[in-house]
Amino acid sequence: MIGLFKRPARTTPPDTSALGTATLALRMGSGCTVPKGCTGVVADGGGHTRRVAEGTRIVLAETENAFCFHPGPYGADLLPFAGAPELGLRLSFAVDAPDPRVAQQRFDLFLASEAGDTLALSAFAASVESALQQELALGHLALPPCTTLDEWNAFRGGFNQLLYTRFGISVDDCVPVDLGDRVDYAAMLLARAADVPQAEPPPSKAAAAPVDAQGSDARALRRLFLELPCVMHGLRMAVLPPGQALFQQHRALLQRLDQVSLSVNTMPALELAAPGEPLAAERQRARTRHSLRASAALDEAWALLARLGLAGEGELAPLFDDADRIIANLEHECAARRVANPTAESEPA
């Protein structure tokens, strides 16, 4: 009976001095107080979130995690084209203000799904840059040489919508900058020359899967588990023109996406081929590759929702065709992730 009424250990508060400058968000423990000028976010195991005002003491249930974030503003320099590191964009942004029309803020879901113990500005800017480069490479955004004012406005509209939909942030300003004085071309060429893939020996089936593979698989599956329902909700809210053709296609896409979500919710453990039967390390690495490819398709789905938000009636058909491709990749990767002993692996479309 001595330990029955033992007072629980006091949670050590994290260092919040970098919030609003080099750090966007930090994980908080139960009993910590949300710092001044910041907002707390509490997320349960199912990804449902609620916000906590500044100065409030955080009280967590057993299955909950908490974060605090500073809304900004923040600044970052981005490289829209990896092959032209001297051409940059100087971005100024802030975490989006609460939208009373939605049940969950997008940035809150980002914290619950993708953030670790610390969300550094540099890491977040790298994610934004990656999303920008992918949309430019796929032709969904255009930033041609000698960009005209109309082309720049079209780019800014699509870029702003992408960041709002994908990350839950609002762009304050975005201007072109010359980053040539920061680029060491000699070092870049040496790095490229050293980056030659080396042949690896065949892995031993008796060896355990590396820790990073287990962590990568878990993070990718968590993203799919938490974000697919939100992607499906966003697709369901698309405004359709009168007519049956797009309505039937829209319904079919939602049904397929619902099946993908069900598959993710019942995904087998990484290390098991069957109950009580361990899976070879080589297959565990293959399963991790499929999880990561599925999360890459998830990023494409968020970008597609951003384009849907700006599309007119005549632009919906090609976007639905692209949605068909993205969902097909999700279906393929999730199905391949479930298989213990496949005959062969194929690349996504």
Foldseek 3Di string as FASTA:
>chain_A
DVCPPPDDDADDADDCPCAQAFFFKAWGDQQDFAAPQKKKWKAFLQLQIDIDDHRDGHHDDPRIIMMIGHFYFYWDWADLEPVCVQKIKIWTKTAADDDPVDRDQQQSSCCVQPDDRTGTPVNVRVVLNVLSNVCCVVVVQDDDPPDDPVNVVRNVLLSQLLCCLNNRMGTPDMDMDGNVVVDDVVVVVVVVVVPDDDDDDDDDQPDAADPVLLVLLVSLLSNLQNCLVVLLVLLVPQDADDDDPVVVLSVVLSVLSVVLNVLSVPADHLQAQDVVHGAGNVLSSVLSVLSVQLSVLVSVSSSLSSVSVVDDNVPVVVSSVVSVLSSVSSVLSSVSSRHRDDPDDDDRD
